[in-house]
């Protein structure tokens, strides 16, 4: 092809670039939650501690009206528990696995569902820790890779650190350090 890249290689680069841009754009979505409270009358002064019980009741009522946002916050928090390994010695480990199993949770790599399920015994190591083998190809160490958790009926949420570049993983795990004498 006279030094030109094949159309497949060019298409793959463009597709990866589009995915990376989409992933970065979506990274911030859903990470910040604000539950606004509407006061029936004038907003109380910040130093008026006598209004705290009234504000507490009002806040609980307002948050109850925003259950979909509260559910979204819960999904986001659960996804953030995953780095690459969830340790079994966490007090909430079994409860979390039951929830994820009951909600048919799945992991997505670059927006595509990974095979297997949370309840699959192959995801549990001998030490009881949860592990999921993830394989992917990149053109360079700077290419971004997104890894998400999705429960049935919800949108996917990035696990902690996602999207990330292979360089970031190498640095985070200390794999690029020279051996010491």
N, C-alpha and C. Protein backbone atom coordinates (compact mmCIF):
# COMPACT_ATOMS: atom_id res chain seq x y z
N UNK A 1 0.82 -1.20 0.00
CA UNK A 1 0.00 0.00 0.00
C UNK A 1 0.86 1.26 0.00
N UNK A 2 2.05 1.16 -0.46
CA UNK A 2 2.95 2.31 -0.59
C UNK A 2 3.11 3.10 0.70
N UNK A 3 3.33 2.44 1.79
CA UNK A 3 3.57 3.15 3.05
C UNK A 3 2.32 3.68 3.73
N UNK A 4 1.17 3.49 3.11
CA UNK A 4 -0.06 3.95 3.75
C UNK A 4 -0.61 2.84 4.63
N UNK A 5 -1.31 3.26 5.69
CA UNK A 5 -1.91 2.27 6.57
C UNK A 5 -3.11 1.64 5.88
N UNK A 6 -3.38 0.37 6.20
CA UNK A 6 -4.55 -0.28 5.63
C UNK A 6 -5.81 0.39 6.15
N UNK A 7 -6.90 0.24 5.41
CA UNK A 7 -8.15 0.88 5.83
C UNK A 7 -8.63 0.30 7.16
N UNK A 8 -8.36 -0.98 7.41
CA UNK A 8 -8.75 -1.59 8.69
C UNK A 8 -8.00 -0.94 9.85
N UNK A 9 -6.71 -0.70 9.68
CA UNK A 9 -5.91 -0.08 10.75
C UNK A 9 -6.37 1.35 11.00
N UNK A 10 -6.66 2.08 9.92
CA UNK A 10 -7.14 3.46 10.08
C UNK A 10 -8.49 3.46 10.78
N UNK A 11 -9.40 2.56 10.37
CA UNK A 11 -10.72 2.47 11.00
C UNK A 11 -10.58 2.16 12.48
N UNK A 12 -9.68 1.23 12.82
CA UNK A 12 -9.50 0.85 14.23
C UNK A 12 -9.01 2.04 15.05
N UNK A 13 -8.07 2.82 14.51
CA UNK A 13 -7.56 3.99 15.22
C UNK A 13 -8.66 5.01 15.44
N UNK A 14 -9.47 5.26 14.40
CA UNK A 14 -10.56 6.23 14.51
C UNK A 14 -11.58 5.73 15.52
N UNK A 15 -11.94 4.45 15.46
CA UNK A 15 -12.92 3.90 16.39
C UNK A 15 -12.41 4.01 17.83
N UNK A 16 -11.13 3.70 18.06
CA UNK A 16 -10.56 3.82 19.40
C UNK A 16 -10.57 5.26 19.87
N UNK A 17 -10.24 6.20 18.98
CA UNK A 17 -10.23 7.61 19.35
C UNK A 17 -11.62 8.09 19.72
N UNK A 18 -12.62 7.68 18.93
CA UNK A 18 -14.01 8.08 19.23
C UNK A 18 -14.43 7.50 20.56
N UNK A 19 -14.09 6.22 20.81
CA UNK A 19 -14.46 5.61 22.08
C UNK A 19 -13.78 6.32 23.25
N UNK A 20 -12.51 6.64 23.09
CA UNK A 20 -11.78 7.33 24.15
C UNK A 20 -12.40 8.68 24.45
N UNK A 21 -12.77 9.42 23.42
CA UNK A 21 -13.41 10.73 23.63
C UNK A 21 -14.75 10.56 24.33
N UNK A 22 -15.54 9.57 23.89
CA UNK A 22 -16.83 9.32 24.51
C UNK A 22 -16.64 8.92 25.97
N UNK A 23 -15.66 8.06 26.23
CA UNK A 23 -15.40 7.60 27.59
C UNK A 23 -15.01 8.76 28.49
N UNK A 24 -14.11 9.62 28.02
CA UNK A 24 -13.67 10.75 28.84
C UNK A 24 -14.83 11.70 29.08
N UNK A 25 -15.66 11.92 28.05
CA UNK A 25 -16.82 12.81 28.20
C UNK A 25 -17.77 12.26 29.25
N UNK A 26 -17.97 10.93 29.26
CA UNK A 26 -18.91 10.33 30.20
C UNK A 26 -18.33 10.13 31.59
N UNK A 27 -17.03 10.25 31.76
CA UNK A 27 -16.39 9.97 33.04
C UNK A 27 -16.96 10.82 34.16
N UNK A 28 -17.18 12.08 33.92
CA UNK A 28 -17.64 12.98 34.96
C UNK A 28 -19.14 12.87 35.23
N UNK A 29 -19.90 12.31 34.29
CA UNK A 29 -21.33 12.24 34.46
C UNK A 29 -21.68 11.34 35.64
N UNK A 30 -22.50 11.82 36.56
CA UNK A 30 -22.97 11.01 37.66
C UNK A 30 -22.06 10.95 38.86
N UNK A 31 -20.92 11.63 38.86
CA UNK A 31 -20.01 11.56 40.00
C UNK A 31 -20.36 12.55 41.09
N UNK A 32 -21.12 13.56 40.77
CA UNK A 32 -21.45 14.59 41.75
C UNK A 32 -22.96 14.61 41.97
N UNK A 33 -23.37 14.60 43.22
CA UNK A 33 -24.78 14.60 43.55
C UNK A 33 -25.08 15.74 44.51
N UNK A 34 -26.18 16.40 44.26
CA UNK A 34 -26.59 17.51 45.12
C UNK A 34 -28.07 17.35 45.39
N UNK A 35 -28.43 17.32 46.65
CA UNK A 35 -29.83 17.22 47.05
C UNK A 35 -30.25 18.57 47.61
N UNK A 36 -30.96 19.34 46.80
CA UNK A 36 -31.40 20.67 47.21
C UNK A 36 -32.64 20.59 48.08
N UNK A 37 -32.72 21.48 49.03
CA UNK A 37 -33.86 21.54 49.95
C UNK A 37 -34.60 22.84 49.70
N UNK A 38 -35.92 22.71 49.50
CA UNK A 38 -36.77 23.89 49.32
C UNK A 38 -37.37 24.25 50.68
N UNK A 39 -37.06 25.43 51.15
CA UNK A 39 -37.62 25.90 52.42
C UNK A 39 -38.98 26.52 52.17
N UNK A 40 -39.94 26.26 53.07
CA UNK A 40 -41.30 26.79 52.93
C UNK A 40 -41.32 28.30 53.13
N UNK A 41 -40.45 28.77 53.98
CA UNK A 41 -40.37 30.21 54.24
C UNK A 41 -38.92 30.64 54.01
N UNK A 42 -38.52 31.69 54.70
CA UNK A 42 -37.15 32.17 54.54
C UNK A 42 -36.15 31.14 55.06
N UNK A 43 -35.05 31.02 54.37
CA UNK A 43 -34.00 30.09 54.75
C UNK A 43 -33.44 30.49 56.12
N UNK A 44 -33.29 29.52 57.06
CA UNK A 44 -32.77 29.86 58.40
C UNK A 44 -31.31 30.32 58.34
N UNK A 45 -30.92 31.07 59.32
CA UNK A 45 -29.53 31.50 59.41
C UNK A 45 -28.64 30.29 59.69
N UNK A 46 -27.41 30.36 59.23
CA UNK A 46 -26.47 29.25 59.40
C UNK A 46 -26.15 28.97 60.86
N UNK A 47 -26.21 29.98 61.70
CA UNK A 47 -25.86 29.79 63.12
C UNK A 47 -27.08 29.54 64.00
N UNK A 48 -28.25 29.31 63.41
CA UNK A 48 -29.48 29.08 64.19
C UNK A 48 -29.65 27.59 64.43
N UNK A 49 -29.03 27.08 65.50
CA UNK A 49 -29.06 25.65 65.80
C UNK A 49 -30.44 25.15 66.21
N UNK A 50 -31.33 26.03 66.61
CA UNK A 50 -32.68 25.60 67.00
C UNK A 50 -33.47 25.08 65.79
N UNK A 51 -33.05 25.40 64.58
CA UNK A 51 -33.75 24.99 63.36
C UNK A 51 -33.25 23.64 62.83
N UNK A 52 -32.23 23.08 63.47
CA UNK A 52 -31.64 21.83 62.96
C UNK A 52 -32.65 20.69 62.89
N UNK A 53 -33.47 20.42 63.94
CA UNK A 53 -34.45 19.33 63.82
C UNK A 53 -35.42 19.53 62.66
N UNK A 54 -35.86 20.76 62.47
CA UNK A 54 -36.78 21.07 61.37
C UNK A 54 -36.09 20.86 60.02
N UNK A 55 -34.84 21.29 59.90
CA UNK A 55 -34.10 21.13 58.65
C UNK A 55 -33.82 19.65 58.38
N UNK A 56 -33.55 18.88 59.43
CA UNK A 56 -33.29 17.45 59.27
C UNK A 56 -34.52 16.75 58.69
N UNK A 57 -35.70 17.04 59.26
CA UNK A 57 -36.94 16.44 58.77
C UNK A 57 -37.22 16.86 57.33
N UNK A 58 -36.99 18.12 57.05
CA UNK A 58 -37.20 18.64 55.70
C UNK A 58 -36.24 17.97 54.70
N UNK A 59 -34.99 17.80 55.10
CA UNK A 59 -33.99 17.16 54.24
C UNK A 59 -34.37 15.71 53.96
N UNK A 60 -34.81 14.99 54.99
CA UNK A 60 -35.19 13.59 54.79
C UNK A 60 -36.37 13.48 53.83
N UNK A 61 -37.32 14.39 53.94
CA UNK A 61 -38.46 14.39 53.03
C UNK A 61 -38.06 14.71 51.61
N UNK A 62 -37.17 15.68 51.43
CA UNK A 62 -36.71 16.06 50.09
C UNK A 62 -35.92 14.94 49.43
N UNK A 63 -35.05 14.28 50.19
CA UNK A 63 -34.25 13.19 49.62
C UNK A 63 -35.16 12.04 49.23
N UNK A 64 -36.21 11.77 50.03
CA UNK A 64 -37.15 10.70 49.69
C UNK A 64 -37.84 10.99 48.36
N UNK A 65 -38.06 12.26 48.05
CA UNK A 65 -38.68 12.63 46.77
C UNK A 65 -37.71 12.45 45.60
N UNK A 66 -36.43 12.37 45.89
CA UNK A 66 -35.41 12.26 44.85
C UNK A 66 -34.79 10.86 44.85
N UNK A 67 -35.63 9.83 45.02
CA UNK A 67 -35.14 8.46 45.15
C UNK A 67 -34.33 8.00 43.94
N UNK A 68 -34.69 8.43 42.75
CA UNK A 68 -33.92 7.98 41.58
C UNK A 68 -32.48 8.49 41.66
N UNK A 69 -32.29 9.72 42.14
CA UNK A 69 -30.93 10.25 42.30
C UNK A 69 -30.21 9.50 43.42
N UNK A 70 -30.93 9.16 44.47
CA UNK A 70 -30.33 8.42 45.58
C UNK A 70 -29.91 7.02 45.11
N UNK A 71 -30.76 6.37 44.30
CA UNK A 71 -30.40 5.07 43.73
C UNK A 71 -29.18 5.19 42.83
N UNK A 72 -29.13 6.25 42.04
CA UNK A 72 -27.99 6.48 41.16
C UNK A 72 -26.71 6.66 41.98
N UNK A 73 -26.81 7.38 43.09
CA UNK A 73 -25.67 7.57 43.99
C UNK A 73 -25.21 6.22 44.54
N UNK A 74 -26.17 5.36 44.95
CA UNK A 74 -25.82 4.04 45.49
C UNK A 74 -25.10 3.20 44.44
N UNK A 75 -25.60 3.20 43.20
CA UNK A 75 -24.93 2.44 42.12
C UNK A 75 -23.51 2.94 41.90
N UNK A 76 -23.36 4.24 41.92
CA UNK A 76 -22.04 4.85 41.71
C UNK A 76 -21.08 4.46 42.83
N UNK A 77 -21.56 4.49 44.08
CA UNK A 77 -20.71 4.12 45.22
C UNK A 77 -20.29 2.66 45.15
N UNK A 78 -21.21 1.77 44.78
CA UNK A 78 -20.88 0.35 44.67
C UNK A 78 -19.82 0.13 43.60
N UNK A 79 -19.96 0.78 42.46
CA UNK A 79 -18.97 0.64 41.39
C UNK A 79 -17.60 1.12 41.84
N UNK A 80 -17.55 2.15 42.67
CA UNK A 80 -16.28 2.69 43.13
C UNK A 80 -15.53 1.74 44.07
N UNK A 81 -16.24 0.72 44.64
CA UNK A 81 -15.57 -0.24 45.51
C UNK A 81 -14.58 -1.10 44.73
N UNK A 82 -14.80 -1.27 43.44
CA UNK A 82 -13.97 -2.14 42.63
C UNK A 82 -12.75 -1.39 42.13
N UNK A 83 -11.61 -1.94 42.39
CA UNK A 83 -10.38 -1.41 41.81
C UNK A 83 -10.02 -2.45 40.77
N UNK A 84 -9.28 -3.44 41.12
CA UNK A 84 -9.13 -4.63 40.30
C UNK A 84 -9.35 -5.86 41.17
N UNK A 85 -9.35 -5.66 42.46
CA UNK A 85 -9.52 -6.78 43.38
C UNK A 85 -10.29 -6.29 44.60
N UNK A 86 -11.36 -6.99 44.95
CA UNK A 86 -12.14 -6.66 46.13
C UNK A 86 -11.81 -7.70 47.19
N UNK A 87 -11.26 -7.26 48.31
CA UNK A 87 -10.78 -8.20 49.32
C UNK A 87 -11.91 -8.79 50.14
N UNK A 88 -11.81 -10.10 50.38
CA UNK A 88 -12.85 -10.83 51.09
C UNK A 88 -12.94 -10.45 52.56
N UNK A 89 -11.90 -9.85 53.12
CA UNK A 89 -11.94 -9.53 54.55
C UNK A 89 -12.76 -8.27 54.84
N UNK A 90 -13.32 -7.66 53.81
CA UNK A 90 -14.19 -6.50 54.02
C UNK A 90 -15.48 -6.99 54.67
N UNK A 91 -15.97 -6.30 55.71
CA UNK A 91 -17.18 -6.75 56.41
C UNK A 91 -18.41 -6.85 55.51
N UNK A 92 -18.47 -6.06 54.47
CA UNK A 92 -19.65 -6.03 53.61
C UNK A 92 -19.49 -6.89 52.36
N UNK A 93 -18.40 -7.66 52.29
CA UNK A 93 -18.10 -8.42 51.07
C UNK A 93 -19.24 -9.35 50.66
N UNK A 94 -19.70 -10.21 51.56
CA UNK A 94 -20.76 -11.17 51.22
C UNK A 94 -22.07 -10.47 50.88
N UNK A 95 -22.40 -9.42 51.63
CA UNK A 95 -23.63 -8.67 51.34
C UNK A 95 -23.55 -8.02 49.97
N UNK A 96 -22.39 -7.49 49.64
CA UNK A 96 -22.20 -6.85 48.34
C UNK A 96 -22.32 -7.88 47.21
N UNK A 97 -21.69 -9.03 47.36
CA UNK A 97 -21.79 -10.07 46.33
C UNK A 97 -23.22 -10.56 46.17
N UNK A 98 -23.97 -10.70 47.29
CA UNK A 98 -25.38 -11.10 47.19
C UNK A 98 -26.18 -10.06 46.41
N UNK A 99 -25.94 -8.79 46.69
CA UNK A 99 -26.65 -7.72 45.98
C UNK A 99 -26.32 -7.76 44.49
N UNK A 100 -25.04 -7.86 44.17
CA UNK A 100 -24.63 -7.85 42.77
C UNK A 100 -25.17 -9.08 42.03
N UNK A 101 -25.21 -10.22 42.70
CA UNK A 101 -25.76 -11.43 42.10
C UNK A 101 -27.26 -11.27 41.88
N UNK A 102 -27.96 -10.76 42.90
CA UNK A 102 -29.41 -10.57 42.80
C UNK A 102 -29.81 -9.58 41.72
N UNK A 103 -28.96 -8.62 41.46
CA UNK A 103 -29.26 -7.60 40.44
C UNK A 103 -28.58 -7.91 39.11
N UNK A 104 -28.11 -9.16 38.96
CA UNK A 104 -27.47 -9.59 37.71
C UNK A 104 -26.42 -8.60 37.23
N UNK A 105 -25.54 -8.20 38.14
CA UNK A 105 -24.50 -7.23 37.79
C UNK A 105 -23.53 -7.83 36.78
N UNK A 106 -23.02 -6.95 35.94
CA UNK A 106 -22.06 -7.37 34.92
C UNK A 106 -20.99 -6.31 34.78
N UNK A 107 -19.83 -6.73 34.31
CA UNK A 107 -18.74 -5.80 34.03
C UNK A 107 -18.71 -5.53 32.54
N UNK A 108 -18.40 -4.30 32.19
CA UNK A 108 -18.30 -3.90 30.79
C UNK A 108 -16.90 -3.37 30.52
N UNK A 109 -16.31 -3.85 29.45
CA UNK A 109 -15.00 -3.36 29.01
C UNK A 109 -15.23 -2.60 27.72
N UNK A 110 -14.89 -1.31 27.74
CA UNK A 110 -15.12 -0.44 26.58
C UNK A 110 -16.57 -0.51 26.10
N UNK A 111 -17.48 -0.59 27.06
CA UNK A 111 -18.91 -0.59 26.74
C UNK A 111 -19.49 -1.93 26.35
N UNK A 112 -18.66 -2.97 26.30
CA UNK A 112 -19.14 -4.31 25.93
C UNK A 112 -19.11 -5.21 27.15
N UNK A 113 -20.20 -5.98 27.31
CA UNK A 113 -20.32 -6.85 28.48
C UNK A 113 -19.28 -7.97 28.44
N UNK A 114 -18.61 -8.17 29.57
CA UNK A 114 -17.64 -9.26 29.70
C UNK A 114 -18.38 -10.56 29.99
N UNK A 115 -17.86 -11.69 29.51
CA UNK A 115 -18.51 -12.97 29.79
C UNK A 115 -18.42 -13.32 31.28
N UNK A 116 -19.34 -14.19 31.71
CA UNK A 116 -19.36 -14.63 33.10
C UNK A 116 -20.22 -13.71 33.95
N UNK A 117 -20.40 -14.11 35.20
CA UNK A 117 -21.21 -13.30 36.11
C UNK A 117 -20.50 -13.19 37.45
N UNK A 118 -21.03 -12.34 38.29
CA UNK A 118 -20.45 -12.13 39.61
C UNK A 118 -20.51 -13.41 40.43
N UNK A 119 -21.58 -14.19 40.26
CA UNK A 119 -21.73 -15.41 41.05
C UNK A 119 -20.90 -16.58 40.52
N UNK A 120 -20.31 -16.42 39.35
CA UNK A 120 -19.46 -17.44 38.76
C UNK A 120 -18.29 -17.72 39.70
N UNK A 121 -18.10 -18.98 40.07
CA UNK A 121 -17.05 -19.35 41.03
C UNK A 121 -15.65 -19.03 40.50
N UNK A 122 -15.51 -18.89 39.19
CA UNK A 122 -14.19 -18.57 38.65
C UNK A 122 -13.76 -17.15 39.02
N UNK A 123 -14.71 -16.35 39.51
CA UNK A 123 -14.38 -14.98 39.93
C UNK A 123 -13.87 -14.93 41.37
N UNK A 124 -13.90 -16.06 42.07
CA UNK A 124 -13.41 -16.10 43.45
C UNK A 124 -12.09 -16.84 43.49
N UNK A 125 -11.09 -16.19 44.04
CA UNK A 125 -9.76 -16.80 44.16
C UNK A 125 -9.73 -17.75 45.36
N UNK A 126 -8.65 -18.49 45.50
CA UNK A 126 -8.51 -19.43 46.63
C UNK A 126 -8.57 -18.73 47.97
N UNK A 127 -8.09 -17.48 48.03
CA UNK A 127 -8.12 -16.74 49.29
C UNK A 127 -9.48 -16.11 49.55
N UNK A 128 -10.45 -16.35 48.66
CA UNK A 128 -11.80 -15.82 48.84
C UNK A 128 -12.02 -14.46 48.22
N UNK A 129 -10.96 -13.83 47.72
CA UNK A 129 -11.09 -12.51 47.11
C UNK A 129 -11.78 -12.61 45.75
N UNK A 130 -12.49 -11.56 45.40
CA UNK A 130 -13.15 -11.48 44.10
C UNK A 130 -12.13 -11.01 43.07
N UNK A 131 -12.05 -11.75 41.97
CA UNK A 131 -11.14 -11.37 40.89
C UNK A 131 -11.85 -11.59 39.56
N UNK A 132 -11.61 -10.72 38.63
CA UNK A 132 -12.16 -10.86 37.29
C UNK A 132 -11.03 -10.64 36.30
N UNK A 133 -10.75 -11.64 35.50
CA UNK A 133 -9.69 -11.52 34.50
C UNK A 133 -10.22 -10.67 33.35
N UNK A 134 -9.46 -9.65 32.99
CA UNK A 134 -9.85 -8.74 31.92
C UNK A 134 -8.70 -8.64 30.93
N UNK A 135 -8.96 -8.95 29.67
CA UNK A 135 -7.94 -8.86 28.63
C UNK A 135 -8.36 -7.82 27.61
N UNK A 136 -7.41 -7.02 27.18
CA UNK A 136 -7.70 -6.01 26.16
C UNK A 136 -6.43 -5.68 25.41
N UNK A 137 -6.60 -5.14 24.22
CA UNK A 137 -5.48 -4.70 23.39
C UNK A 137 -5.50 -3.19 23.29
N UNK A 138 -4.32 -2.61 23.23
CA UNK A 138 -4.19 -1.17 23.01
C UNK A 138 -3.12 -0.95 21.95
N UNK A 139 -3.22 0.17 21.27
CA UNK A 139 -2.20 0.53 20.28
C UNK A 139 -0.99 1.17 20.94
N UNK A 140 -1.23 1.86 22.06
CA UNK A 140 -0.13 2.47 22.80
C UNK A 140 -0.48 2.47 24.29
N UNK A 141 0.52 2.70 25.11
CA UNK A 141 0.31 2.72 26.56
C UNK A 141 -0.53 3.91 27.01
N UNK A 142 -0.74 4.88 26.11
CA UNK A 142 -1.53 6.06 26.45
C UNK A 142 -3.01 5.89 26.11
N UNK A 143 -3.38 4.84 25.37
CA UNK A 143 -4.78 4.61 25.02
C UNK A 143 -5.60 4.41 26.29
N UNK A 144 -6.77 5.00 26.32
CA UNK A 144 -7.65 4.87 27.48
C UNK A 144 -8.48 3.60 27.38
N UNK A 145 -8.70 2.95 28.51
CA UNK A 145 -9.53 1.75 28.61
C UNK A 145 -10.58 2.01 29.68
N UNK A 146 -11.84 1.76 29.33
CA UNK A 146 -12.90 1.95 30.32
C UNK A 146 -13.37 0.60 30.84
N UNK A 147 -13.60 0.52 32.14
CA UNK A 147 -14.11 -0.67 32.80
C UNK A 147 -15.24 -0.22 33.71
N UNK A 148 -16.43 -0.81 33.51
CA UNK A 148 -17.61 -0.36 34.24
C UNK A 148 -18.34 -1.52 34.88
N UNK A 149 -19.18 -1.18 35.86
CA UNK A 149 -20.07 -2.14 36.52
C UNK A 149 -21.49 -1.70 36.22
N UNK A 150 -22.34 -2.66 35.83
CA UNK A 150 -23.73 -2.33 35.55
C UNK A 150 -24.64 -3.33 36.24
N UNK A 151 -25.59 -2.82 37.02
CA UNK A 151 -26.61 -3.66 37.63
C UNK A 151 -27.84 -3.62 36.74
N UNK A 152 -28.66 -4.67 36.81
CA UNK A 152 -29.86 -4.75 35.98
C UNK A 152 -30.72 -3.49 36.16
N UNK A 153 -31.11 -2.90 35.06
CA UNK A 153 -32.00 -1.75 35.10
C UNK A 153 -31.33 -0.42 35.37
N UNK A 154 -30.01 -0.40 35.47
CA UNK A 154 -29.32 0.88 35.71
C UNK A 154 -28.31 1.13 34.60
N UNK A 155 -27.83 2.35 34.56
CA UNK A 155 -26.77 2.64 33.60
C UNK A 155 -25.44 2.16 34.17
N UNK A 156 -24.43 1.94 33.32
CA UNK A 156 -23.13 1.49 33.83
C UNK A 156 -22.38 2.62 34.52
N UNK A 157 -21.57 2.25 35.52
CA UNK A 157 -20.75 3.21 36.26
C UNK A 157 -19.31 2.74 36.24
N UNK A 158 -18.39 3.69 36.04
CA UNK A 158 -16.97 3.36 36.00
C UNK A 158 -16.49 2.86 37.35
N UNK A 159 -15.66 1.81 37.32
CA UNK A 159 -15.03 1.38 38.56
C UNK A 159 -13.94 2.39 38.88
N UNK A 160 -13.42 2.32 40.08
CA UNK A 160 -12.43 3.29 40.55
C UNK A 160 -11.25 3.39 39.61
N UNK A 161 -10.97 4.59 39.15
CA UNK A 161 -9.83 4.82 38.27
C UNK A 161 -10.15 4.75 36.79
N UNK A 162 -11.29 4.22 36.41
CA UNK A 162 -11.66 4.09 35.00
C UNK A 162 -12.26 5.39 34.50
N UNK A 163 -11.98 5.74 33.27
CA UNK A 163 -11.09 5.12 32.31
C UNK A 163 -9.63 5.41 32.66
N UNK A 164 -8.77 4.49 32.30
CA UNK A 164 -7.36 4.64 32.64
C UNK A 164 -6.51 4.23 31.45
N UNK A 165 -5.27 4.68 31.48
CA UNK A 165 -4.30 4.29 30.46
C UNK A 165 -3.42 3.19 31.04
N UNK A 166 -2.86 2.36 30.16
CA UNK A 166 -1.96 1.29 30.60
C UNK A 166 -0.79 1.89 31.38
N UNK A 167 -0.27 3.02 30.93
CA UNK A 167 0.81 3.69 31.67
C UNK A 167 0.42 3.95 33.12
N UNK A 168 -0.82 4.40 33.33
CA UNK A 168 -1.30 4.69 34.69
C UNK A 168 -1.31 3.41 35.53
N UNK A 169 -1.77 2.29 34.93
CA UNK A 169 -1.78 1.01 35.65
C UNK A 169 -0.37 0.57 36.02
N UNK A 170 0.55 0.73 35.09
CA UNK A 170 1.95 0.34 35.34
C UNK A 170 2.51 1.15 36.50
N UNK A 171 2.27 2.46 36.50
CA UNK A 171 2.76 3.33 37.58
C UNK A 171 2.07 3.01 38.91
N UNK A 172 0.75 2.82 38.88
CA UNK A 172 -0.01 2.57 40.10
C UNK A 172 0.42 1.28 40.78
N UNK A 173 0.82 0.29 39.99
CA UNK A 173 1.22 -0.99 40.55
C UNK A 173 2.73 -1.11 40.73
N UNK A 174 3.46 -0.06 40.36
CA UNK A 174 4.91 -0.07 40.53
C UNK A 174 5.62 -1.05 39.61
N UNK A 175 5.00 -1.39 38.49
CA UNK A 175 5.59 -2.38 37.59
C UNK A 175 6.73 -1.83 36.75
N UNK A 176 6.82 -0.51 36.63
CA UNK A 176 7.87 0.08 35.82
C UNK A 176 9.13 0.40 36.59
N UNK A 177 9.15 0.09 37.88
CA UNK A 177 10.31 0.41 38.70
C UNK A 177 11.45 -0.57 38.44
N UNK A 178 12.68 -0.08 38.41
CA UNK A 178 13.82 -1.00 38.22
C UNK A 178 14.03 -1.84 39.49
N UNK A 179 14.61 -3.02 39.29
CA UNK A 179 14.91 -3.87 40.44
C UNK A 179 16.05 -3.25 41.25
N UNK A 180 15.93 -3.32 42.55
CA UNK A 180 16.98 -2.77 43.42
C UNK A 180 17.96 -3.87 43.79
N UNK A 181 19.17 -3.46 44.13
CA UNK A 181 20.19 -4.44 44.53
C UNK A 181 20.08 -4.77 45.97
